[in-house]
Amino acid sequence: MALTVERLRTDVADCLGEAPADIPVDENLIDHGLDSVRIMTLLERWRREHAVTASFADLAERPVLKAWASLLGAV
């Protein structure tokens, strides 16, 4: 399965115990409860499943789904 914006959104929602529709694509995810441990958990999943090469710092610098999609090459 390809890495898509919706896959990112679903994974973040799962990590936060929320519905994907409740996770905005253009707002700071820290404001929605995402913390550094969860970012690392997501990053490790995406590295394993999608061969993502981004670093924790890359994701933490701009914790917004739109930014992550661009950084991670999500379609």
N, C-alpha and C. Protein backbone atom coordinates (compact mmCIF):
# COMPACT_ATOMS: atom_id res chain seq x y z
N MET A 1 0.84 -1.18 0.00
CA MET A 1 0.00 0.00 0.00
C MET A 1 0.89 1.24 0.00
N ALA A 2 0.59 2.18 -0.88
CA ALA A 2 1.37 3.41 -1.00
C ALA A 2 1.11 4.33 0.20
N LEU A 3 2.11 5.13 0.48
CA LEU A 3 1.96 6.14 1.53
C LEU A 3 1.22 7.33 0.93
N THR A 4 0.06 7.62 1.49
CA THR A 4 -0.78 8.71 1.02
C THR A 4 -1.08 9.65 2.18
N VAL A 5 -1.62 10.81 1.86
CA VAL A 5 -2.03 11.74 2.91
C VAL A 5 -3.07 11.08 3.81
N GLU A 6 -3.99 10.34 3.22
CA GLU A 6 -5.02 9.66 4.02
C GLU A 6 -4.42 8.57 4.90
N ARG A 7 -3.38 7.88 4.41
CA ARG A 7 -2.70 6.87 5.24
C ARG A 7 -2.02 7.55 6.43
N LEU A 8 -1.36 8.69 6.16
CA LEU A 8 -0.73 9.45 7.25
C LEU A 8 -1.79 9.87 8.27
N ARG A 9 -2.88 10.39 7.78
CA ARG A 9 -3.97 10.86 8.65
C ARG A 9 -4.54 9.71 9.48
N THR A 10 -4.76 8.57 8.85
CA THR A 10 -5.28 7.40 9.55
C THR A 10 -4.31 6.92 10.62
N ASP A 11 -3.02 6.88 10.28
CA ASP A 11 -2.02 6.43 11.24
C ASP A 11 -1.92 7.38 12.44
N VAL A 12 -1.96 8.68 12.17
CA VAL A 12 -1.92 9.66 13.27
C VAL A 12 -3.16 9.52 14.13
N ALA A 13 -4.31 9.39 13.50
CA ALA A 13 -5.57 9.24 14.23
C ALA A 13 -5.52 7.99 15.12
N ASP A 14 -5.03 6.91 14.56
CA ASP A 14 -4.91 5.66 15.32
C ASP A 14 -4.00 5.86 16.54
N CYS A 15 -2.92 6.54 16.33
CA CYS A 15 -1.96 6.79 17.40
C CYS A 15 -2.58 7.65 18.52
N LEU A 16 -3.47 8.54 18.14
CA LEU A 16 -4.10 9.45 19.10
C LEU A 16 -5.44 8.94 19.62
N GLY A 17 -5.93 7.83 19.07
CA GLY A 17 -7.22 7.32 19.48
C GLY A 17 -8.38 8.19 19.01
N GLU A 18 -8.21 8.79 17.85
CA GLU A 18 -9.22 9.68 17.27
C GLU A 18 -9.71 9.12 15.94
N ALA A 19 -10.75 9.71 15.42
CA ALA A 19 -11.23 9.38 14.07
C ALA A 19 -10.38 10.14 13.06
N PRO A 20 -10.05 9.53 11.94
CA PRO A 20 -9.25 10.24 10.93
C PRO A 20 -9.84 11.60 10.53
N ALA A 21 -11.15 11.68 10.44
CA ALA A 21 -11.79 12.95 10.06
C ALA A 21 -11.53 14.06 11.06
N ASP A 22 -11.17 13.70 12.29
CA ASP A 22 -10.89 14.70 13.33
C ASP A 22 -9.46 15.22 13.29
N ILE A 23 -8.63 14.65 12.42
CA ILE A 23 -7.23 15.06 12.32
C ILE A 23 -7.09 16.00 11.13
N PRO A 24 -6.79 17.27 11.38
CA PRO A 24 -6.66 18.23 10.29
C PRO A 24 -5.37 18.03 9.50
N VAL A 25 -5.40 18.34 8.22
CA VAL A 25 -4.20 18.19 7.41
C VAL A 25 -3.33 19.45 7.42
N ASP A 26 -3.89 20.55 7.92
CA ASP A 26 -3.17 21.81 7.84
C ASP A 26 -2.98 22.52 9.19
N GLU A 27 -3.07 21.76 10.28
CA GLU A 27 -2.87 22.34 11.61
C GLU A 27 -1.78 21.59 12.35
N ASN A 28 -1.20 22.25 13.32
CA ASN A 28 -0.14 21.67 14.13
C ASN A 28 -0.68 20.47 14.91
N LEU A 29 -0.07 19.32 14.69
CA LEU A 29 -0.54 18.09 15.33
C LEU A 29 -0.22 18.05 16.83
N ILE A 30 0.74 18.83 17.26
CA ILE A 30 1.05 18.92 18.69
C ILE A 30 -0.17 19.46 19.44
N ASP A 31 -0.87 20.40 18.81
CA ASP A 31 -2.08 20.97 19.41
C ASP A 31 -3.20 19.93 19.53
N HIS A 32 -3.07 18.83 18.83
CA HIS A 32 -4.08 17.76 18.86
C HIS A 32 -3.63 16.58 19.71
N GLY A 33 -2.53 16.76 20.44
CA GLY A 33 -2.09 15.73 21.38
C GLY A 33 -0.92 14.87 20.94
N LEU A 34 -0.39 15.12 19.75
CA LEU A 34 0.76 14.34 19.30
C LEU A 34 2.00 14.79 20.07
N ASP A 35 2.75 13.84 20.58
CA ASP A 35 3.98 14.19 21.32
C ASP A 35 5.16 13.49 20.66
N SER A 36 6.36 13.72 21.20
CA SER A 36 7.57 13.20 20.58
C SER A 36 7.60 11.67 20.53
N VAL A 37 7.10 11.02 21.55
CA VAL A 37 7.09 9.55 21.56
C VAL A 37 6.20 9.03 20.44
N ARG A 38 5.06 9.65 20.26
CA ARG A 38 4.15 9.21 19.19
C ARG A 38 4.73 9.52 17.81
N ILE A 39 5.42 10.63 17.67
CA ILE A 39 6.06 10.93 16.39
C ILE A 39 7.08 9.84 16.06
N MET A 40 7.88 9.44 17.06
CA MET A 40 8.87 8.38 16.84
C MET A 40 8.18 7.06 16.48
N THR A 41 7.08 6.76 17.15
CA THR A 41 6.33 5.53 16.86
C THR A 41 5.85 5.53 15.41
N LEU A 42 5.28 6.65 14.98
CA LEU A 42 4.80 6.78 13.60
C LEU A 42 5.96 6.67 12.62
N LEU A 43 7.04 7.35 12.91
CA LEU A 43 8.20 7.34 12.02
C LEU A 43 8.75 5.93 11.86
N GLU A 44 8.86 5.20 12.94
CA GLU A 44 9.35 3.82 12.86
C GLU A 44 8.42 2.95 12.02
N ARG A 45 7.12 3.14 12.18
CA ARG A 45 6.15 2.39 11.37
C ARG A 45 6.34 2.70 9.89
N TRP A 46 6.45 3.99 9.58
CA TRP A 46 6.59 4.39 8.18
C TRP A 46 7.93 3.96 7.60
N ARG A 47 8.97 3.94 8.40
CA ARG A 47 10.26 3.43 7.93
C ARG A 47 10.14 1.95 7.59
N ARG A 48 9.50 1.22 8.44
CA ARG A 48 9.36 -0.23 8.27
C ARG A 48 8.44 -0.57 7.08
N GLU A 49 7.32 0.12 7.00
CA GLU A 49 6.31 -0.23 5.99
C GLU A 49 6.49 0.47 4.66
N HIS A 50 7.15 1.64 4.65
CA HIS A 50 7.21 2.44 3.42
C HIS A 50 8.61 2.92 3.08
N ALA A 51 9.62 2.42 3.79
CA ALA A 51 11.01 2.78 3.52
C ALA A 51 11.26 4.30 3.60
N VAL A 52 10.56 4.96 4.51
CA VAL A 52 10.75 6.39 4.73
C VAL A 52 12.14 6.63 5.29
N THR A 53 12.81 7.67 4.82
CA THR A 53 14.15 7.98 5.30
C THR A 53 14.23 9.28 6.10
N ALA A 54 13.12 9.92 6.32
CA ALA A 54 13.10 11.18 7.08
C ALA A 54 13.55 10.92 8.52
N SER A 55 14.03 11.98 9.15
CA SER A 55 14.45 11.88 10.55
C SER A 55 13.36 12.40 11.47
N PHE A 56 13.54 12.09 12.75
CA PHE A 56 12.63 12.63 13.76
C PHE A 56 12.61 14.15 13.69
N ALA A 57 13.79 14.76 13.58
CA ALA A 57 13.88 16.22 13.53
C ALA A 57 13.09 16.80 12.36
N ASP A 58 13.13 16.10 11.22
CA ASP A 58 12.37 16.55 10.05
C ASP A 58 10.88 16.66 10.37
N LEU A 59 10.35 15.63 11.03
CA LEU A 59 8.92 15.61 11.35
C LEU A 59 8.60 16.57 12.49
N ALA A 60 9.44 16.63 13.49
CA ALA A 60 9.19 17.48 14.65
C ALA A 60 9.26 18.96 14.30
N GLU A 61 10.05 19.30 13.30
CA GLU A 61 10.21 20.69 12.91
C GLU A 61 8.90 21.29 12.39
N ARG A 62 8.13 20.50 11.66
CA ARG A 62 6.84 20.96 11.12
C ARG A 62 5.81 19.86 11.29
N PRO A 63 5.20 19.75 12.48
CA PRO A 63 4.24 18.67 12.75
C PRO A 63 2.85 18.96 12.16
N VAL A 64 2.81 19.01 10.84
CA VAL A 64 1.57 19.28 10.09
C VAL A 64 1.48 18.22 8.99
N LEU A 65 0.34 17.59 8.84
CA LEU A 65 0.20 16.51 7.86
C LEU A 65 0.60 16.93 6.44
N LYS A 66 0.21 18.12 6.02
CA LYS A 66 0.57 18.57 4.67
C LYS A 66 2.08 18.63 4.50
N ALA A 67 2.77 19.12 5.51
CA ALA A 67 4.23 19.20 5.46
C ALA A 67 4.84 17.80 5.45
N TRP A 68 4.30 16.91 6.27
CA TRP A 68 4.81 15.54 6.32
C TRP A 68 4.58 14.84 4.98
N ALA A 69 3.42 15.04 4.39
CA ALA A 69 3.12 14.41 3.11
C ALA A 69 4.16 14.79 2.06
N SER A 70 4.48 16.07 2.01
CA SER A 70 5.49 16.55 1.07
C SER A 70 6.85 15.96 1.39
N LEU A 71 7.24 15.99 2.63
CA LEU A 71 8.53 15.48 3.08
C LEU A 71 8.68 13.98 2.82
N LEU A 72 7.60 13.24 3.05
CA LEU A 72 7.65 11.78 2.94
C LEU A 72 7.29 11.25 1.55
N GLY A 73 6.96 12.15 0.64
CA GLY A 73 6.62 11.74 -0.70
C GLY A 73 5.27 11.06 -0.83
N ALA A 74 4.37 11.40 0.08
CA ALA A 74 3.02 10.82 0.04
C ALA A 74 2.27 11.37 -1.16
N VAL A 75 1.48 10.52 -1.75
CA VAL A 75 0.72 10.92 -2.94
C VAL A 75 -0.72 11.22 -2.59
